[in-house]
Amino acid sequence: MAGNRAATVSGGGGAVYGLGMVGALVWFWQQVDGFWPHVLGVLKALVWPAFLVYQAFGALHH
């Protein structure tokens, strides 16, 4: 029974990531023109946390 409760409590991260992905998709989509830049924007929207962490570590380094 305790295993089911732990799985239920930890399920909120997927919703936050999903909302962030939709927001990133809208942002990247609006910034580009053309077919291939839109494809790149979709790919960037899928991996936006990596960009966020990279920029955060870069800001901490300076």
PDB file of N, CA and C in Angstrom:
ATOM      1  N   MET A   1       0.806  -1.185   0.000  1.00  0.00           N
ATOM      2  CA  MET A   1       0.000   0.000   0.000  1.00  0.00           C
ATOM      3  C   MET A   1       0.854   1.255   0.000  1.00  0.00           C
ATOM      4  N   ALA A   2       1.952   1.264   0.722  1.00  0.00           N
ATOM      5  CA  ALA A   2       2.815   2.440   0.777  1.00  0.00           C
ATOM      6  C   ALA A   2       3.446   2.713  -0.591  1.00  0.00           C
ATOM      7  N   GLY A   3       3.725   1.665  -1.359  1.00  0.00           N
ATOM      8  CA  GLY A   3       4.304   1.851  -2.693  1.00  0.00           C
ATOM      9  C   GLY A   3       3.357   2.581  -3.632  1.00  0.00           C
ATOM     10  N   ASN A   4       2.059   2.314  -3.530  1.00  0.00           N
ATOM     11  CA  ASN A   4       1.087   3.014  -4.365  1.00  0.00           C
ATOM     12  C   ASN A   4       1.004   4.490  -4.006  1.00  0.00           C
ATOM     13  N   ARG A   5       1.073   4.799  -2.727  1.00  0.00           N
ATOM     14  CA  ARG A   5       0.989   6.193  -2.299  1.00  0.00           C
ATOM     15  C   ARG A   5       2.200   6.977  -2.800  1.00  0.00           C
ATOM     16  N   ALA A   6       3.373   6.412  -2.737  1.00  0.00           N
ATOM     17  CA  ALA A   6       4.586   7.095  -3.196  1.00  0.00           C
ATOM     18  C   ALA A   6       4.512   7.366  -4.695  1.00  0.00           C
ATOM     19  N   ALA A   7       3.974   6.445  -5.455  1.00  0.00           N
ATOM     20  CA  ALA A   7       3.870   6.641  -6.900  1.00  0.00           C
ATOM     21  C   ALA A   7       2.866   7.737  -7.227  1.00  0.00           C
ATOM     22  N   THR A   8       1.831   7.862  -6.444  1.00  0.00           N
ATOM     23  CA  THR A   8       0.820   8.883  -6.686  1.00  0.00           C
ATOM     24  C   THR A   8       1.346  10.268  -6.340  1.00  0.00           C
ATOM     25  N   VAL A   9       2.101  10.378  -5.281  1.00  0.00           N
ATOM     26  CA  VAL A   9       2.616  11.667  -4.835  1.00  0.00           C
ATOM     27  C   VAL A   9       3.649  12.206  -5.819  1.00  0.00           C
ATOM     28  N   SER A  10       4.447  11.368  -6.417  1.00  0.00           N
ATOM     29  CA  SER A  10       5.532  11.824  -7.275  1.00  0.00           C
ATOM     30  C   SER A  10       5.093  12.046  -8.723  1.00  0.00           C
ATOM     31  N   GLY A  11       3.820  12.071  -9.016  1.00  0.00           N
ATOM     32  CA  GLY A  11       3.361  12.199 -10.393  1.00  0.00           C
ATOM     33  C   GLY A  11       3.212  13.615 -10.903  1.00  0.00           C
ATOM     34  N   GLY A  12       3.453  14.648 -10.095  1.00  0.00           N
ATOM     35  CA  GLY A  12       3.226  16.030 -10.510  1.00  0.00           C
ATOM     36  C   GLY A  12       4.296  16.598 -11.427  1.00  0.00           C
ATOM     37  N   GLY A  13       5.471  16.020 -11.440  1.00  0.00           N
ATOM     38  CA  GLY A  13       6.555  16.550 -12.257  1.00  0.00           C
ATOM     39  C   GLY A  13       6.291  16.454 -13.742  1.00  0.00           C
ATOM     40  N   GLY A  14       5.580  15.445 -14.155  1.00  0.00           N
ATOM     41  CA  GLY A  14       5.270  15.290 -15.574  1.00  0.00           C
ATOM     42  C   GLY A  14       4.359  16.393 -16.083  1.00  0.00           C
ATOM     43  N   ALA A  15       3.431  16.826 -15.250  1.00  0.00           N
ATOM     44  CA  ALA A  15       2.537  17.913 -15.646  1.00  0.00           C
ATOM     45  C   ALA A  15       3.301  19.219 -15.779  1.00  0.00           C
ATOM     46  N   VAL A  16       4.219  19.473 -14.859  1.00  0.00           N
ATOM     47  CA  VAL A  16       5.017  20.700 -14.924  1.00  0.00           C
ATOM     48  C   VAL A  16       5.894  20.684 -16.170  1.00  0.00           C
ATOM     49  N   TYR A  17       6.530  19.550 -16.447  1.00  0.00           N
ATOM     50  CA  TYR A  17       7.361  19.436 -17.640  1.00  0.00           C
ATOM     51  C   TYR A  17       6.508  19.605 -18.895  1.00  0.00           C
ATOM     52  N   GLY A  18       5.322  19.024 -18.907  1.00  0.00           N
ATOM     53  CA  GLY A  18       4.438  19.136 -20.068  1.00  0.00           C
ATOM     54  C   GLY A  18       4.016  20.574 -20.331  1.00  0.00           C
ATOM     55  N   LEU A  19       3.642  21.302 -19.276  1.00  0.00           N
ATOM     56  CA  LEU A  19       3.287  22.707 -19.446  1.00  0.00           C
ATOM     57  C   LEU A  19       4.483  23.533 -19.906  1.00  0.00           C
ATOM     58  N   GLY A  20       5.645  23.229 -19.362  1.00  0.00           N
ATOM     59  CA  GLY A  20       6.862  23.924 -19.805  1.00  0.00           C
ATOM     60  C   GLY A  20       7.176  23.630 -21.250  1.00  0.00           C
ATOM     61  N   MET A  21       6.956  22.393 -21.671  1.00  0.00           N
ATOM     62  CA  MET A  21       7.210  22.034 -23.059  1.00  0.00           C
ATOM     63  C   MET A  21       6.260  22.773 -24.005  1.00  0.00           C
ATOM     64  N   VAL A  22       4.983  22.872 -23.633  1.00  0.00           N
ATOM     65  CA  VAL A  22       4.021  23.595 -24.464  1.00  0.00           C
ATOM     66  C   VAL A  22       4.403  25.070 -24.541  1.00  0.00           C
ATOM     67  N   GLY A  23       4.766  25.653 -23.406  1.00  0.00           N
ATOM     68  CA  GLY A  23       5.195  27.051 -23.404  1.00  0.00           C
ATOM     69  C   GLY A  23       6.430  27.269 -24.247  1.00  0.00           C
ATOM     70  N   ALA A  24       7.400  26.371 -24.144  1.00  0.00           N
ATOM     71  CA  ALA A  24       8.612  26.481 -24.947  1.00  0.00           C
ATOM     72  C   ALA A  24       8.301  26.305 -26.429  1.00  0.00           C
ATOM     73  N   LEU A  25       7.391  25.402 -26.748  1.00  0.00           N
ATOM     74  CA  LEU A  25       7.008  25.196 -28.145  1.00  0.00           C
ATOM     75  C   LEU A  25       6.394  26.463 -28.721  1.00  0.00           C
ATOM     76  N   VAL A  26       5.507  27.092 -27.976  1.00  0.00           N
ATOM     77  CA  VAL A  26       4.901  28.338 -28.445  1.00  0.00           C
ATOM     78  C   VAL A  26       5.965  29.406 -28.615  1.00  0.00           C
ATOM     79  N   TRP A  27       6.876  29.521 -27.666  1.00  0.00           N
ATOM     80  CA  TRP A  27       7.930  30.531 -27.735  1.00  0.00           C
ATOM     81  C   TRP A  27       8.823  30.310 -28.958  1.00  0.00           C
ATOM     82  N   PHE A  28       9.353  29.104 -29.105  1.00  0.00           N
ATOM     83  CA  PHE A  28      10.255  28.831 -30.223  1.00  0.00           C
ATOM     84  C   PHE A  28       9.521  28.936 -31.557  1.00  0.00           C
ATOM     85  N   TRP A  29       8.267  28.550 -31.600  1.00  0.00           N
ATOM     86  CA  TRP A  29       7.480  28.600 -32.845  1.00  0.00           C
ATOM     87  C   TRP A  29       7.316  30.038 -33.323  1.00  0.00           C
ATOM     88  N   GLN A  30       7.104  30.963 -32.404  1.00  0.00           N
ATOM     89  CA  GLN A  30       6.887  32.358 -32.755  1.00  0.00           C
ATOM     90  C   GLN A  30       8.176  33.065 -33.165  1.00  0.00           C
ATOM     91  N   GLN A  31       9.308  32.512 -32.816  1.00  0.00           N
ATOM     92  CA  GLN A  31      10.575  33.189 -33.061  1.00  0.00           C
ATOM     93  C   GLN A  31      11.166  32.916 -34.443  1.00  0.00           C
ATOM     94  N   VAL A  32      10.614  31.968 -35.196  1.00  0.00           N
ATOM     95  CA  VAL A  32      11.257  31.546 -36.438  1.00  0.00           C
ATOM     96  C   VAL A  32      10.303  31.652 -37.626  1.00  0.00           C
ATOM     97  N   ASP A  33      10.899  31.661 -38.823  1.00  0.00           N
ATOM     98  CA  ASP A  33      10.164  31.597 -40.085  1.00  0.00           C
ATOM     99  C   ASP A  33      10.772  30.490 -40.939  1.00  0.00           C
ATOM    100  N   GLY A  34       9.941  29.730 -41.619  1.00  0.00           N
ATOM    101  CA  GLY A  34      10.417  28.666 -42.497  1.00  0.00           C
ATOM    102  C   GLY A  34      10.199  27.293 -41.897  1.00  0.00           C
ATOM    103  N   PHE A  35      10.311  26.289 -42.763  1.00  0.00           N
ATOM    104  CA  PHE A  35      10.021  24.919 -42.347  1.00  0.00           C
ATOM    105  C   PHE A  35      11.072  24.360 -41.390  1.00  0.00           C
ATOM    106  N   TRP A  36      12.354  24.372 -41.794  1.00  0.00           N
ATOM    107  CA  TRP A  36      13.387  23.752 -40.977  1.00  0.00           C
ATOM    108  C   TRP A  36      13.615  24.474 -39.659  1.00  0.00           C
ATOM    109  N   PRO A  37      13.537  25.800 -39.619  1.00  0.00           N
ATOM    110  CA  PRO A  37      13.619  26.439 -38.297  1.00  0.00           C
ATOM    111  C   PRO A  37      12.464  26.044 -37.371  1.00  0.00           C
ATOM    112  N   HIS A  38      11.278  25.782 -37.929  1.00  0.00           N
ATOM    113  CA  HIS A  38      10.172  25.313 -37.098  1.00  0.00           C
ATOM    114  C   HIS A  38      10.446  23.898 -36.574  1.00  0.00           C
ATOM    115  N   VAL A  39      11.023  23.053 -37.404  1.00  0.00           N
ATOM    116  CA  VAL A  39      11.388  21.702 -36.953  1.00  0.00           C
ATOM    117  C   VAL A  39      12.407  21.800 -35.821  1.00  0.00           C
ATOM    118  N   LEU A  40      13.395  22.679 -35.972  1.00  0.00           N
ATOM    119  CA  LEU A  40      14.391  22.877 -34.922  1.00  0.00           C
ATOM    120  C   LEU A  40      13.740  23.432 -33.652  1.00  0.00           C
ATOM    121  N   GLY A  41      12.751  24.308 -33.810  1.00  0.00           N
ATOM    122  CA  GLY A  41      12.034  24.844 -32.657  1.00  0.00           C
ATOM    123  C   GLY A  41      11.297  23.767 -31.886  1.00  0.00           C
ATOM    124  N   VAL A  42      10.704  22.816 -32.595  1.00  0.00           N
ATOM    125  CA  VAL A  42      10.024  21.692 -31.927  1.00  0.00           C
ATOM    126  C   VAL A  42      11.041  20.849 -31.156  1.00  0.00           C
ATOM    127  N   LEU A  43      12.194  20.592 -31.760  1.00  0.00           N
ATOM    128  CA  LEU A  43      13.229  19.811 -31.076  1.00  0.00           C
ATOM    129  C   LEU A  43      13.749  20.546 -29.844  1.00  0.00           C
ATOM    130  N   LYS A  44      13.932  21.864 -29.962  1.00  0.00           N
ATOM    131  CA  LYS A  44      14.372  22.651 -28.811  1.00  0.00           C
ATOM    132  C   LYS A  44      13.328  22.621 -27.694  1.00  0.00           C
ATOM    133  N   ALA A  45      12.055  22.635 -28.063  1.00  0.00           N
ATOM    134  CA  ALA A  45      10.994  22.595 -27.054  1.00  0.00           C
ATOM    135  C   ALA A  45      11.025  21.286 -26.281  1.00  0.00           C
ATOM    136  N   LEU A  46      11.465  20.208 -26.904  1.00  0.00           N
ATOM    137  CA  LEU A  46      11.532  18.915 -26.218  1.00  0.00           C
ATOM    138  C   LEU A  46      12.662  18.862 -25.200  1.00  0.00           C
ATOM    139  N   VAL A  47      13.731  19.619 -25.429  1.00  0.00           N
ATOM    140  CA  VAL A  47      14.910  19.546 -24.554  1.00  0.00           C
ATOM    141  C   VAL A  47      15.173  20.871 -23.842  1.00  0.00           C
ATOM    142  N   TRP A  48      14.134  21.705 -23.632  1.00  0.00           N
ATOM    143  CA  TRP A  48      14.327  23.011 -23.013  1.00  0.00           C
ATOM    144  C   TRP A  48      14.949  22.952 -21.631  1.00  0.00           C
ATOM    145  N   PRO A  49      14.744  21.900 -20.817  1.00  0.00           N
ATOM    146  CA  PRO A  49      15.404  21.911 -19.506  1.00  0.00           C
ATOM    147  C   PRO A  49      16.934  21.890 -19.619  1.00  0.00           C
ATOM    148  N   ALA A  50      17.454  21.261 -20.646  1.00  0.00           N
ATOM    149  CA  ALA A  50      18.903  21.246 -20.830  1.00  0.00           C
ATOM    150  C   ALA A  50      19.420  22.658 -21.085  1.00  0.00           C
ATOM    151  N   PHE A  51      18.708  23.449 -21.882  1.00  0.00           N
ATOM    152  CA  PHE A  51      19.100  24.834 -22.116  1.00  0.00           C
ATOM    153  C   PHE A  51      19.037  25.633 -20.814  1.00  0.00           C
ATOM    154  N   LEU A  52      18.008  25.401 -20.033  1.00  0.00           N
ATOM    155  CA  LEU A  52      17.827  26.116 -18.772  1.00  0.00           C
ATOM    156  C   LEU A  52      18.976  25.823 -17.812  1.00  0.00           C
ATOM    157  N   VAL A  53      19.313  24.569 -17.651  1.00  0.00           N
ATOM    158  CA  VAL A  53      20.388  24.186 -16.733  1.00  0.00           C
ATOM    159  C   VAL A  53      21.726  24.713 -17.234  1.00  0.00           C
ATOM    160  N   TYR A  54      21.968  24.646 -18.536  1.00  0.00           N
ATOM    161  CA  TYR A  54      23.220  25.150 -19.107  1.00  0.00           C
ATOM    162  C   TYR A  54      23.380  26.639 -18.827  1.00  0.00           C
ATOM    163  N   GLN A  55      22.315  27.424 -19.053  1.00  0.00           N
ATOM    164  CA  GLN A  55      22.373  28.858 -18.803  1.00  0.00           C
ATOM    165  C   GLN A  55      22.525  29.155 -17.305  1.00  0.00           C
ATOM    166  N   ALA A  56      21.864  28.379 -16.461  1.00  0.00           N
ATOM    167  CA  ALA A  56      21.973  28.585 -15.009  1.00  0.00           C
ATOM    168  C   ALA A  56      23.391  28.325 -14.530  1.00  0.00           C
ATOM    169  N   PHE A  57      24.005  27.245 -14.987  1.00  0.00           N
ATOM    170  CA  PHE A  57      25.374  26.966 -14.589  1.00  0.00           C
ATOM    171  C   PHE A  57      26.336  28.002 -15.156  1.00  0.00           C
ATOM    172  N   GLY A  58      26.062  28.482 -16.366  1.00  0.00           N
ATOM    173  CA  GLY A  58      26.889  29.545 -16.937  1.00  0.00           C
ATOM    174  C   GLY A  58      26.800  30.815 -16.120  1.00  0.00           C
ATOM    175  N   ALA A  59      25.616  31.150 -15.634  1.00  0.00           N
ATOM    176  CA  ALA A  59      25.443  32.357 -14.809  1.00  0.00           C
ATOM    177  C   ALA A  59      26.134  32.184 -13.456  1.00  0.00           C
ATOM    178  N   LEU A  60      26.110  30.988 -12.905  1.00  0.00           N
ATOM    179  CA  LEU A  60      26.789  30.752 -11.623  1.00  0.00           C
ATOM    180  C   LEU A  60      28.301  30.799 -11.763  1.00  0.00           C
ATOM    181  N   HIS A  61      28.802  30.430 -12.901  1.00  0.00           N
ATOM    182  CA  HIS A  61      30.237  30.387 -13.136  1.00  0.00           C
ATOM    183  C   HIS A  61      30.822  31.797 -13.181  1.00  0.00           C
ATOM    184  N   HIS A  62      30.077  32.754 -13.681  1.00  0.00           N
ATOM    185  CA  HIS A  62      30.596  34.123 -13.846  1.00  0.00           C
ATOM    186  C   HIS A  62      30.480  34.829 -12.575  1.00  0.00           C
TER     187      HIS A  62
END
